[in-house]
Amino acid sequence: MFFVLDGVDGAGKSTQLKMFVQWLGEQGYNVVTCSDPGSTELGDQIRSLLLGKHETPISMRAEMMLFTTARTQLIQQVIKPALALGKTIVLDRYIFSTVVYQGHAGNLDPDEIWTMNRIATENHLPDATFILDIPVDIAMARLGKTLDRMESRGNEYFERVRNGFLLESERWPDTVDVIDATRTPDEIQNDIRKLAMQYIKRKASN
């Protein structure tokens, strides 16, 4: 199985991913946890460049290409080998994020980004993507004052990000679920686990 947790910054992905991975392990699954970008030497270096505050200019298209490059390395080095061994992947962000952050919010063509990322990842798409949805003002309040390069783009940008996630989720009704992230962590996690079991059972029956 290949699961992705995604959503606007401040939605609580890190907390939910940790709880979800622990639960999957308790169910007997051999879980590999990854971050996108990251989880490889190349990915970590690109992540530092993309998220760190510095004076190096990075255009929106170059930014999109860097995220995609890190993702290609992650697929080749970690995800493909793990899936081949029957392991369960839980990934913090994936293609959706690039389509939304650089596409919907960054004024690049979302369909073009999808095409490029299908090629870059050899069409390795997740079995299920859980989008944690939360109003931008609440998300920004959770982030606090120490913001990375991406988080510093302001509320107007992140309103476009949130809307982009909601629009894209409608295009993938069979594999994408939007989850209300304004509730308690346990309530959110219960939804994720219930949905995950549905996907696991569906894949087992195919």
N, C-alpha and C. Protein backbone atom coordinates (compact mmCIF):
# COMPACT_ATOMS: atom_id res chain seq x y z
N MET A 1 0.84 -1.20 0.00
CA MET A 1 0.00 0.00 0.00
C MET A 1 0.87 1.25 0.00
N PHE A 2 0.34 2.27 -0.59
CA PHE A 2 1.05 3.54 -0.74
C PHE A 2 0.09 4.65 -0.31
N PHE A 3 0.36 5.24 0.87
CA PHE A 3 -0.49 6.29 1.42
C PHE A 3 0.26 7.62 1.41
N VAL A 4 -0.48 8.71 1.18
CA VAL A 4 0.07 10.06 1.25
C VAL A 4 -0.80 10.92 2.15
N LEU A 5 -0.17 11.70 3.03
CA LEU A 5 -0.86 12.73 3.79
C LEU A 5 -0.40 14.08 3.24
N ASP A 6 -1.38 14.94 2.95
CA ASP A 6 -1.04 16.22 2.34
C ASP A 6 -1.98 17.30 2.89
N GLY A 7 -1.73 18.53 2.50
CA GLY A 7 -2.57 19.64 2.96
C GLY A 7 -1.75 20.89 3.19
N VAL A 8 -2.43 21.97 3.47
CA VAL A 8 -1.78 23.26 3.69
C VAL A 8 -0.88 23.19 4.92
N ASP A 9 0.20 23.97 4.92
CA ASP A 9 1.08 24.03 6.08
C ASP A 9 0.28 24.41 7.33
N GLY A 10 0.56 23.72 8.44
CA GLY A 10 -0.14 24.01 9.68
C GLY A 10 -1.38 23.17 9.90
N ALA A 11 -1.66 22.23 8.98
CA ALA A 11 -2.87 21.41 9.10
C ALA A 11 -2.71 20.25 10.08
N GLY A 12 -1.47 19.98 10.50
CA GLY A 12 -1.25 18.90 11.46
C GLY A 12 -0.77 17.60 10.85
N LYS A 13 -0.17 17.66 9.65
CA LYS A 13 0.26 16.44 8.98
C LYS A 13 1.27 15.63 9.79
N SER A 14 2.23 16.30 10.38
CA SER A 14 3.29 15.58 11.10
C SER A 14 2.73 14.76 12.25
N THR A 15 1.81 15.34 13.00
CA THR A 15 1.18 14.63 14.11
C THR A 15 0.39 13.44 13.61
N GLN A 16 -0.42 13.65 12.58
CA GLN A 16 -1.26 12.58 12.06
C GLN A 16 -0.44 11.48 11.41
N LEU A 17 0.63 11.84 10.72
CA LEU A 17 1.48 10.83 10.09
C LEU A 17 2.11 9.94 11.16
N LYS A 18 2.59 10.53 12.23
CA LYS A 18 3.21 9.75 13.30
C LYS A 18 2.21 8.78 13.92
N MET A 19 0.99 9.26 14.18
CA MET A 19 -0.05 8.40 14.76
C MET A 19 -0.44 7.29 13.80
N PHE A 20 -0.54 7.62 12.53
CA PHE A 20 -0.96 6.66 11.50
C PHE A 20 0.09 5.56 11.34
N VAL A 21 1.35 5.95 11.28
CA VAL A 21 2.43 4.98 11.12
C VAL A 21 2.49 4.04 12.31
N GLN A 22 2.32 4.58 13.50
CA GLN A 22 2.32 3.73 14.69
C GLN A 22 1.19 2.71 14.63
N TRP A 23 0.00 3.16 14.23
CA TRP A 23 -1.15 2.27 14.13
C TRP A 23 -0.94 1.19 13.08
N LEU A 24 -0.41 1.57 11.91
CA LEU A 24 -0.14 0.58 10.87
C LEU A 24 0.84 -0.49 11.36
N GLY A 25 1.85 -0.05 12.09
CA GLY A 25 2.81 -1.00 12.65
C GLY A 25 2.15 -1.97 13.61
N GLU A 26 1.21 -1.45 14.41
CA GLU A 26 0.49 -2.30 15.36
C GLU A 26 -0.40 -3.31 14.64
N GLN A 27 -0.80 -2.97 13.40
CA GLN A 27 -1.62 -3.90 12.61
C GLN A 27 -0.77 -4.93 11.87
N GLY A 28 0.55 -4.83 12.02
CA GLY A 28 1.44 -5.81 11.41
C GLY A 28 2.05 -5.41 10.09
N TYR A 29 1.86 -4.17 9.67
CA TYR A 29 2.41 -3.73 8.40
C TYR A 29 3.86 -3.26 8.57
N ASN A 30 4.68 -3.58 7.59
CA ASN A 30 6.07 -3.13 7.56
C ASN A 30 6.08 -1.78 6.86
N VAL A 31 6.24 -0.71 7.63
CA VAL A 31 6.01 0.64 7.12
C VAL A 31 7.33 1.36 6.86
N VAL A 32 7.39 2.02 5.70
CA VAL A 32 8.48 2.93 5.36
C VAL A 32 7.90 4.34 5.31
N THR A 33 8.46 5.24 6.12
CA THR A 33 7.98 6.62 6.19
C THR A 33 8.94 7.54 5.46
N CYS A 34 8.40 8.42 4.62
CA CYS A 34 9.24 9.33 3.83
C CYS A 34 8.66 10.74 3.86
N SER A 35 9.53 11.70 3.58
CA SER A 35 9.12 13.09 3.39
C SER A 35 9.45 13.50 1.97
N ASP A 36 8.60 14.31 1.38
CA ASP A 36 8.79 14.79 0.01
C ASP A 36 8.70 16.32 0.01
N PRO A 37 9.82 17.02 -0.27
CA PRO A 37 11.12 16.50 -0.66
C PRO A 37 11.92 16.02 0.55
N GLY A 38 12.82 15.08 0.33
CA GLY A 38 13.65 14.56 1.40
C GLY A 38 13.78 13.06 1.33
N SER A 39 14.31 12.48 2.41
CA SER A 39 14.45 11.03 2.59
C SER A 39 15.50 10.39 1.68
N THR A 40 16.22 11.20 0.93
CA THR A 40 17.42 10.77 0.21
C THR A 40 18.45 11.88 0.36
N GLU A 41 19.72 11.58 0.08
CA GLU A 41 20.74 12.62 0.21
C GLU A 41 20.46 13.78 -0.74
N LEU A 42 20.12 13.45 -1.97
CA LEU A 42 19.79 14.51 -2.93
C LEU A 42 18.54 15.26 -2.51
N GLY A 43 17.51 14.52 -2.09
CA GLY A 43 16.26 15.15 -1.67
C GLY A 43 16.45 16.10 -0.50
N ASP A 44 17.30 15.70 0.46
CA ASP A 44 17.54 16.56 1.62
C ASP A 44 18.26 17.85 1.22
N GLN A 45 19.19 17.74 0.27
CA GLN A 45 19.89 18.95 -0.19
C GLN A 45 18.94 19.89 -0.92
N ILE A 46 18.08 19.31 -1.76
CA ILE A 46 17.09 20.13 -2.47
C ILE A 46 16.11 20.75 -1.49
N ARG A 47 15.70 19.99 -0.48
CA ARG A 47 14.78 20.50 0.53
C ARG A 47 15.38 21.73 1.23
N SER A 48 16.66 21.65 1.58
CA SER A 48 17.32 22.78 2.23
C SER A 48 17.32 24.01 1.34
N LEU A 49 17.55 23.80 0.05
CA LEU A 49 17.55 24.91 -0.89
C LEU A 49 16.15 25.51 -1.04
N LEU A 50 15.14 24.66 -1.12
CA LEU A 50 13.77 25.12 -1.35
C LEU A 50 13.14 25.79 -0.13
N LEU A 51 13.44 25.27 1.05
CA LEU A 51 12.76 25.77 2.25
C LEU A 51 13.58 26.76 3.06
N GLY A 52 14.89 26.74 2.88
CA GLY A 52 15.74 27.64 3.65
C GLY A 52 15.60 29.09 3.19
N LYS A 53 15.80 30.00 4.12
CA LYS A 53 15.75 31.44 3.78
C LYS A 53 17.13 31.87 3.32
N HIS A 54 17.22 32.34 2.06
CA HIS A 54 18.48 32.74 1.47
C HIS A 54 18.19 33.75 0.37
N GLU A 55 19.23 34.25 -0.25
CA GLU A 55 19.09 35.29 -1.27
C GLU A 55 19.13 34.74 -2.69
N THR A 56 19.24 33.43 -2.84
CA THR A 56 19.30 32.83 -4.17
C THR A 56 17.94 32.89 -4.85
N PRO A 57 17.81 33.56 -6.00
CA PRO A 57 16.52 33.62 -6.69
C PRO A 57 16.12 32.24 -7.23
N ILE A 58 14.87 31.86 -7.01
CA ILE A 58 14.33 30.62 -7.55
C ILE A 58 12.98 30.94 -8.18
N SER A 59 12.88 30.84 -9.50
CA SER A 59 11.61 31.12 -10.16
C SER A 59 10.61 30.02 -9.81
N MET A 60 9.33 30.29 -10.02
CA MET A 60 8.30 29.31 -9.69
C MET A 60 8.47 28.04 -10.52
N ARG A 61 8.85 28.18 -11.79
CA ARG A 61 9.05 26.99 -12.63
C ARG A 61 10.27 26.21 -12.17
N ALA A 62 11.35 26.90 -11.83
CA ALA A 62 12.54 26.22 -11.31
C ALA A 62 12.20 25.52 -10.00
N GLU A 63 11.40 26.16 -9.17
CA GLU A 63 10.96 25.57 -7.91
C GLU A 63 10.21 24.27 -8.17
N MET A 64 9.30 24.32 -9.12
CA MET A 64 8.53 23.12 -9.47
C MET A 64 9.46 22.01 -9.94
N MET A 65 10.45 22.34 -10.76
CA MET A 65 11.38 21.35 -11.27
C MET A 65 12.23 20.75 -10.16
N LEU A 66 12.61 21.56 -9.19
CA LEU A 66 13.41 21.05 -8.08
C LEU A 66 12.61 20.08 -7.23
N PHE A 67 11.37 20.41 -6.92
CA PHE A 67 10.51 19.47 -6.18
C PHE A 67 10.37 18.16 -6.95
N THR A 68 10.18 18.27 -8.25
CA THR A 68 10.00 17.08 -9.08
C THR A 68 11.27 16.24 -9.14
N THR A 69 12.42 16.89 -9.21
CA THR A 69 13.69 16.17 -9.22
C THR A 69 13.90 15.39 -7.93
N ALA A 70 13.63 16.04 -6.80
CA ALA A 70 13.76 15.35 -5.51
C ALA A 70 12.82 14.15 -5.45
N ARG A 71 11.64 14.32 -6.02
CA ARG A 71 10.63 13.24 -6.02
C ARG A 71 11.10 12.05 -6.88
N THR A 72 11.72 12.35 -8.00
CA THR A 72 12.24 11.28 -8.87
C THR A 72 13.26 10.44 -8.11
N GLN A 73 14.16 11.08 -7.40
CA GLN A 73 15.17 10.35 -6.63
C GLN A 73 14.53 9.52 -5.53
N LEU A 74 13.51 10.07 -4.88
CA LEU A 74 12.80 9.35 -3.82
C LEU A 74 12.14 8.09 -4.36
N ILE A 75 11.52 8.20 -5.53
CA ILE A 75 10.89 7.03 -6.15
C ILE A 75 11.93 5.96 -6.46
N GLN A 76 13.02 6.36 -7.10
CA GLN A 76 14.02 5.41 -7.54
C GLN A 76 14.77 4.77 -6.37
N GLN A 77 15.09 5.56 -5.38
CA GLN A 77 15.97 5.10 -4.31
C GLN A 77 15.21 4.42 -3.17
N VAL A 78 13.98 4.87 -2.89
CA VAL A 78 13.27 4.40 -1.69
C VAL A 78 11.95 3.71 -2.01
N ILE A 79 11.06 4.41 -2.72
CA ILE A 79 9.68 3.93 -2.84
C ILE A 79 9.56 2.69 -3.72
N LYS A 80 10.16 2.71 -4.91
CA LYS A 80 10.09 1.53 -5.78
C LYS A 80 10.65 0.28 -5.12
N PRO A 81 11.85 0.34 -4.52
CA PRO A 81 12.37 -0.85 -3.85
C PRO A 81 11.48 -1.32 -2.69
N ALA A 82 10.92 -0.38 -1.93
CA ALA A 82 10.07 -0.76 -0.79
C ALA A 82 8.79 -1.43 -1.26
N LEU A 83 8.16 -0.87 -2.28
CA LEU A 83 6.93 -1.46 -2.80
C LEU A 83 7.20 -2.85 -3.39
N ALA A 84 8.35 -3.02 -4.02
CA ALA A 84 8.71 -4.31 -4.60
C ALA A 84 8.84 -5.39 -3.53
N LEU A 85 9.18 -4.97 -2.31
CA LEU A 85 9.32 -5.90 -1.18
C LEU A 85 8.01 -6.06 -0.41
N GLY A 86 6.94 -5.42 -0.90
CA GLY A 86 5.65 -5.55 -0.24
C GLY A 86 5.47 -4.68 0.99
N LYS A 87 6.32 -3.68 1.13
CA LYS A 87 6.22 -2.79 2.29
C LYS A 87 5.14 -1.74 2.07
N THR A 88 4.70 -1.12 3.15
CA THR A 88 3.69 -0.06 3.09
C THR A 88 4.39 1.29 3.18
N ILE A 89 4.10 2.15 2.23
CA ILE A 89 4.69 3.49 2.19
C ILE A 89 3.71 4.49 2.79
N VAL A 90 4.22 5.34 3.69
CA VAL A 90 3.45 6.49 4.16
C VAL A 90 4.31 7.73 3.90
N LEU A 91 3.80 8.60 3.06
CA LEU A 91 4.59 9.72 2.54
C LEU A 91 3.98 11.06 2.97
N ASP A 92 4.84 11.92 3.50
CA ASP A 92 4.46 13.28 3.88
C ASP A 92 4.62 14.17 2.65
N ARG A 93 3.50 14.46 1.98
CA ARG A 93 3.42 15.23 0.74
C ARG A 93 3.84 14.39 -0.47
N TYR A 94 3.30 14.80 -1.63
CA TYR A 94 3.65 14.12 -2.88
C TYR A 94 3.26 15.04 -4.04
N ILE A 95 2.89 14.49 -5.16
CA ILE A 95 2.63 15.27 -6.37
C ILE A 95 1.57 16.35 -6.14
N PHE A 96 0.54 16.04 -5.34
CA PHE A 96 -0.51 17.01 -5.07
C PHE A 96 0.07 18.36 -4.64
N SER A 97 1.08 18.32 -3.77
CA SER A 97 1.64 19.56 -3.24
C SER A 97 2.23 20.43 -4.34
N THR A 98 2.96 19.81 -5.27
CA THR A 98 3.55 20.60 -6.35
C THR A 98 2.48 21.14 -7.28
N VAL A 99 1.48 20.32 -7.58
CA VAL A 99 0.37 20.77 -8.43
C VAL A 99 -0.33 21.96 -7.80
N VAL A 100 -0.45 21.95 -6.48
CA VAL A 100 -1.18 23.00 -5.78
C VAL A 100 -0.31 24.23 -5.49
N TYR A 101 0.85 24.02 -4.87
CA TYR A 101 1.69 25.15 -4.46
C TYR A 101 2.28 25.90 -5.64
N GLN A 102 2.80 25.16 -6.62
CA GLN A 102 3.41 25.84 -7.78
C GLN A 102 2.41 26.00 -8.94
N GLY A 103 1.37 25.15 -8.96
CA GLY A 103 0.36 25.24 -10.00
C GLY A 103 -0.75 26.21 -9.65
N HIS A 104 -1.70 25.76 -8.86
CA HIS A 104 -2.86 26.59 -8.51
C HIS A 104 -2.46 27.90 -7.82
N ALA A 105 -1.52 27.83 -6.88
CA ALA A 105 -1.14 29.04 -6.15
C ALA A 105 -0.01 29.81 -6.82
N GLY A 106 0.79 29.11 -7.63
CA GLY A 106 1.95 29.75 -8.25
C GLY A 106 1.78 30.10 -9.71
N ASN A 107 0.56 29.88 -10.22
CA ASN A 107 0.20 30.29 -11.58
C ASN A 107 0.87 29.48 -12.69
N LEU A 108 1.35 28.28 -12.38
CA LEU A 108 1.77 27.36 -13.43
C LEU A 108 0.58 26.47 -13.80
N ASP A 109 0.69 25.77 -14.91
CA ASP A 109 -0.41 24.93 -15.39
C ASP A 109 -0.46 23.62 -14.61
N PRO A 110 -1.51 23.36 -13.80
CA PRO A 110 -1.58 22.12 -13.02
C PRO A 110 -1.50 20.87 -13.89
N ASP A 111 -2.14 20.87 -15.05
CA ASP A 111 -2.11 19.69 -15.91
C ASP A 111 -0.70 19.40 -16.42
N GLU A 112 0.03 20.45 -16.70
CA GLU A 112 1.41 20.30 -17.14
C GLU A 112 2.25 19.67 -16.03
N ILE A 113 2.01 20.10 -14.80
CA ILE A 113 2.75 19.56 -13.65
C ILE A 113 2.40 18.09 -13.43
N TRP A 114 1.12 17.74 -13.59
CA TRP A 114 0.73 16.34 -13.48
C TRP A 114 1.45 15.49 -14.51
N THR A 115 1.48 15.96 -15.75
CA THR A 115 2.14 15.22 -16.83
C THR A 115 3.62 15.02 -16.53
N MET A 116 4.27 16.08 -16.11
CA MET A 116 5.70 16.00 -15.83
C MET A 116 5.98 15.05 -14.68
N ASN A 117 5.13 15.08 -13.66
CA ASN A 117 5.36 14.23 -12.49
C ASN A 117 5.01 12.78 -12.74
N ARG A 118 4.06 12.52 -13.61
CA ARG A 118 3.79 11.13 -13.99
C ARG A 118 5.02 10.53 -14.66
N ILE A 119 5.66 11.31 -15.50
CA ILE A 119 6.88 10.85 -16.17
C ILE A 119 8.00 10.70 -15.15
N ALA A 120 8.16 11.68 -14.28
CA ALA A 120 9.27 11.70 -13.32
C ALA A 120 9.17 10.56 -12.31
N THR A 121 7.95 10.13 -12.00
CA THR A 121 7.77 9.08 -10.99
C THR A 121 7.42 7.73 -11.61
N GLU A 122 7.50 7.63 -12.94
CA GLU A 122 7.10 6.42 -13.65
C GLU A 122 5.66 6.04 -13.30
N ASN A 123 4.86 7.06 -13.11
CA ASN A 123 3.42 6.90 -12.84
C ASN A 123 3.14 6.13 -11.54
N HIS A 124 4.03 6.25 -10.57
CA HIS A 124 3.78 5.66 -9.26
C HIS A 124 2.86 6.61 -8.48
N LEU A 125 1.58 6.30 -8.50
CA LEU A 125 0.59 7.11 -7.80
C LEU A 125 0.14 6.37 -6.54
N PRO A 126 -0.21 7.12 -5.49
CA PRO A 126 -0.61 6.47 -4.24
C PRO A 126 -1.95 5.75 -4.34
N ASP A 127 -2.12 4.74 -3.49
CA ASP A 127 -3.42 4.08 -3.38
C ASP A 127 -4.44 4.99 -2.73
N ALA A 128 -3.97 5.88 -1.85
CA ALA A 128 -4.87 6.79 -1.15
C ALA A 128 -4.12 8.04 -0.72
N THR A 129 -4.77 9.18 -0.88
CA THR A 129 -4.23 10.46 -0.42
C THR A 129 -5.24 11.09 0.53
N PHE A 130 -4.78 11.45 1.72
CA PHE A 130 -5.63 12.10 2.70
C PHE A 130 -5.23 13.57 2.80
N ILE A 131 -6.14 14.44 2.41
CA ILE A 131 -5.91 15.88 2.45
C ILE A 131 -6.46 16.44 3.75
N LEU A 132 -5.60 16.98 4.60
CA LEU A 132 -6.04 17.60 5.85
C LEU A 132 -6.41 19.04 5.54
N ASP A 133 -7.68 19.37 5.73
CA ASP A 133 -8.18 20.69 5.34
C ASP A 133 -8.45 21.54 6.58
N ILE A 134 -7.99 22.78 6.52
CA ILE A 134 -8.15 23.69 7.65
C ILE A 134 -8.16 25.12 7.13
N PRO A 135 -8.97 26.02 7.72
CA PRO A 135 -8.93 27.42 7.29
C PRO A 135 -7.53 28.01 7.44
N VAL A 136 -7.17 28.89 6.52
CA VAL A 136 -5.81 29.42 6.48
C VAL A 136 -5.46 30.20 7.74
N ASP A 137 -6.39 30.97 8.30
CA ASP A 137 -6.05 31.76 9.48
C ASP A 137 -5.68 30.87 10.67
N ILE A 138 -6.37 29.74 10.79
CA ILE A 138 -6.04 28.80 11.86
C ILE A 138 -4.69 28.15 11.59
N ALA A 139 -4.44 27.77 10.34
CA ALA A 139 -3.17 27.14 9.98
C ALA A 139 -1.99 28.07 10.25
N MET A 140 -2.12 29.33 9.86
CA MET A 140 -1.03 30.28 10.06
C MET A 140 -0.78 30.54 11.54
N ALA A 141 -1.84 30.55 12.35
CA ALA A 141 -1.68 30.74 13.79
C ALA A 141 -0.92 29.56 14.40
N ARG A 142 -1.16 28.38 13.89
CA ARG A 142 -0.46 27.19 14.39
C ARG A 142 1.02 27.23 14.04
N LEU A 143 1.37 27.81 12.89
CA LEU A 143 2.76 27.82 12.46
C LEU A 143 3.63 28.71 13.33
N GLY A 144 3.04 29.75 13.91
CA GLY A 144 3.81 30.64 14.76
C GLY A 144 4.63 31.63 13.95
N LYS A 145 5.75 32.10 14.53
CA LYS A 145 6.52 33.18 13.92
C LYS A 145 7.75 32.69 13.15
N THR A 146 8.20 31.47 13.40
CA THR A 146 9.38 30.96 12.72
C THR A 146 8.94 30.22 11.46
N LEU A 147 8.99 30.91 10.33
CA LEU A 147 8.48 30.37 9.08
C LEU A 147 9.61 30.09 8.09
N ASP A 148 9.47 29.01 7.32
CA ASP A 148 10.47 28.74 6.29
C ASP A 148 10.15 29.56 5.04
N ARG A 149 10.93 29.35 3.99
CA ARG A 149 10.78 30.14 2.77
C ARG A 149 9.39 30.02 2.16
N MET A 150 8.83 28.81 2.16
CA MET A 150 7.51 28.59 1.58
C MET A 150 6.41 29.16 2.49
N GLU A 151 6.56 28.94 3.78
CA GLU A 151 5.53 29.37 4.73
C GLU A 151 5.41 30.88 4.84
N SER A 152 6.41 31.59 4.33
CA SER A 152 6.45 33.05 4.47
C SER A 152 5.70 33.79 3.37
N ARG A 153 4.95 33.09 2.54
CA ARG A 153 4.34 33.73 1.37
C ARG A 153 3.01 34.43 1.66
N GLY A 154 2.50 34.32 2.85
CA GLY A 154 1.33 35.12 3.22
C GLY A 154 0.01 34.42 3.03
N ASN A 155 -1.01 34.98 3.67
CA ASN A 155 -2.33 34.35 3.69
C ASN A 155 -2.99 34.26 2.31
N GLU A 156 -2.80 35.28 1.49
CA GLU A 156 -3.44 35.26 0.17
C GLU A 156 -2.93 34.08 -0.66
N TYR A 157 -1.62 33.85 -0.61
CA TYR A 157 -1.04 32.71 -1.31
C TYR A 157 -1.62 31.41 -0.77
N PHE A 158 -1.72 31.30 0.55
CA PHE A 158 -2.18 30.06 1.14
C PHE A 158 -3.68 29.84 0.99
N GLU A 159 -4.44 30.89 0.76
CA GLU A 159 -5.85 30.71 0.39
C GLU A 159 -5.93 30.02 -0.97
N ARG A 160 -5.04 30.41 -1.89
CA ARG A 160 -5.00 29.75 -3.20
C ARG A 160 -4.55 28.30 -3.05
N VAL A 161 -3.61 28.07 -2.13
CA VAL A 161 -3.16 26.70 -1.86
C VAL A 161 -4.32 25.85 -1.38
N ARG A 162 -5.04 26.36 -0.38
CA ARG A 162 -6.16 25.58 0.16
C ARG A 162 -7.21 25.30 -0.92
N ASN A 163 -7.56 26.31 -1.67
CA ASN A 163 -8.55 26.12 -2.73
C ASN A 163 -8.05 25.13 -3.78
N GLY A 164 -6.74 25.16 -4.04
CA GLY A 164 -6.16 24.23 -4.99
C GLY A 164 -6.29 22.79 -4.53
N PHE A 165 -6.04 22.55 -3.27
CA PHE A 165 -6.21 21.20 -2.72
C PHE A 165 -7.66 20.73 -2.87
N LEU A 166 -8.61 21.61 -2.58
CA LEU A 166 -10.02 21.23 -2.66
C LEU A 166 -10.43 20.96 -4.11
N LEU A 167 -9.94 21.79 -5.03
CA LEU A 167 -10.26 21.59 -6.45
C LEU A 167 -9.66 20.30 -6.98
N GLU A 168 -8.39 20.05 -6.65
CA GLU A 168 -7.73 18.84 -7.14
C GLU A 168 -8.36 17.58 -6.55
N SER A 169 -8.80 17.65 -5.31
CA SER A 169 -9.40 16.47 -4.69
C SER A 169 -10.65 16.02 -5.42
N GLU A 170 -11.36 16.98 -6.03
CA GLU A 170 -12.58 16.63 -6.77
C GLU A 170 -12.27 15.86 -8.05
N ARG A 171 -11.04 15.98 -8.53
CA ARG A 171 -10.64 15.29 -9.76
C ARG A 171 -10.28 13.82 -9.50
N TRP A 172 -10.09 13.46 -8.24
CA TRP A 172 -9.63 12.11 -7.90
C TRP A 172 -10.53 11.51 -6.81
N PRO A 173 -11.83 11.41 -7.06
CA PRO A 173 -12.75 10.98 -6.00
C PRO A 173 -12.53 9.55 -5.50
N ASP A 174 -11.89 8.71 -6.31
CA ASP A 174 -11.71 7.31 -5.92
C ASP A 174 -10.49 7.08 -5.04
N THR A 175 -9.57 8.04 -5.01
CA THR A 175 -8.34 7.81 -4.25
C THR A 175 -7.96 8.97 -3.32
N VAL A 176 -8.78 10.02 -3.28
CA VAL A 176 -8.46 11.19 -2.46
C VAL A 176 -9.62 11.50 -1.53
N ASP A 177 -9.29 11.73 -0.25
CA ASP A 177 -10.30 12.10 0.74
C ASP A 177 -9.87 13.37 1.45
N VAL A 178 -10.81 14.31 1.59
CA VAL A 178 -10.58 15.54 2.34
C VAL A 178 -11.08 15.34 3.76
N ILE A 179 -10.22 15.62 4.73
CA ILE A 179 -10.53 15.38 6.14
C ILE A 179 -10.50 16.70 6.89
N ASP A 180 -11.53 16.95 7.67
CA ASP A 180 -11.63 18.17 8.47
C ASP A 180 -10.56 18.15 9.56
N ALA A 181 -9.56 19.04 9.43
CA ALA A 181 -8.44 19.05 10.38
C ALA A 181 -8.61 20.08 11.48
N THR A 182 -9.82 20.60 11.65
CA THR A 182 -10.06 21.55 12.74
C THR A 182 -10.41 20.83 14.04
N ARG A 183 -10.61 19.53 13.98
CA ARG A 183 -11.04 18.75 15.14
C ARG A 183 -9.84 18.29 15.98
N THR A 184 -10.11 17.47 16.99
CA THR A 184 -9.03 16.97 17.83
C THR A 184 -8.17 15.98 17.04
N PRO A 185 -6.90 15.82 17.42
CA PRO A 185 -6.04 14.85 16.73
C PRO A 185 -6.63 13.44 16.71
N ASP A 186 -7.26 13.02 17.79
CA ASP A 186 -7.83 11.67 17.83
C ASP A 186 -9.00 11.52 16.86
N GLU A 187 -9.82 12.55 16.74
CA GLU A 187 -10.95 12.49 15.81
C GLU A 187 -10.45 12.42 14.36
N ILE A 188 -9.44 13.21 14.05
CA ILE A 188 -8.86 13.20 12.71
C ILE A 188 -8.25 11.83 12.41
N GLN A 189 -7.51 11.31 13.38
CA GLN A 189 -6.85 10.03 13.19
C GLN A 189 -7.85 8.90 13.01
N ASN A 190 -8.95 8.94 13.72
CA ASN A 190 -9.98 7.91 13.56
C ASN A 190 -10.49 7.88 12.13
N ASP A 191 -10.70 9.06 11.54
CA ASP A 191 -11.14 9.12 10.14
C ASP A 191 -10.10 8.52 9.21
N ILE A 192 -8.82 8.87 9.43
CA ILE A 192 -7.75 8.36 8.58
C ILE A 192 -7.69 6.84 8.65
N ARG A 193 -7.80 6.29 9.84
CA ARG A 193 -7.71 4.83 10.00
C ARG A 193 -8.90 4.12 9.35
N LYS A 194 -10.09 4.67 9.52
CA LYS A 194 -11.27 4.06 8.90
C LYS A 194 -11.15 4.06 7.38
N LEU A 195 -10.73 5.19 6.83
CA LEU A 195 -10.57 5.28 5.38
C LEU A 195 -9.46 4.36 4.89
N ALA A 196 -8.36 4.30 5.64
CA ALA A 196 -7.25 3.44 5.26
C ALA A 196 -7.68 1.98 5.18
N MET A 197 -8.47 1.54 6.14
CA MET A 197 -8.94 0.16 6.13
C MET A 197 -9.81 -0.12 4.92
N GLN A 198 -10.60 0.86 4.51
CA GLN A 198 -11.43 0.69 3.31
C GLN A 198 -10.56 0.49 2.08
N TYR A 199 -9.48 1.30 1.98
CA TYR A 199 -8.58 1.17 0.83
C TYR A 199 -7.83 -0.16 0.87
N ILE A 200 -7.41 -0.58 2.06
CA ILE A 200 -6.69 -1.85 2.20
C ILE A 200 -7.58 -3.01 1.78
N LYS A 201 -8.82 -2.99 2.23
CA LYS A 201 -9.77 -4.07 1.88
C LYS A 201 -10.07 -4.06 0.38
N ARG A 202 -10.21 -2.85 -0.18
CA ARG A 202 -10.49 -2.74 -1.62
C ARG A 202 -9.34 -3.33 -2.43
N LYS A 203 -8.11 -3.00 -2.05
CA LYS A 203 -6.96 -3.51 -2.81
C LYS A 203 -6.84 -5.03 -2.65
N ALA A 204 -7.15 -5.54 -1.45
CA ALA A 204 -7.05 -6.98 -1.22
C ALA A 204 -8.07 -7.77 -2.05
N SER A 205 -9.19 -7.11 -2.36
CA SER A 205 -10.26 -7.81 -3.09
C SER A 205 -10.06 -7.76 -4.60
N ASN A 206 -9.14 -6.91 -5.06
CA ASN A 206 -8.90 -6.78 -6.50
C ASN A 206 -7.97 -7.87 -7.02
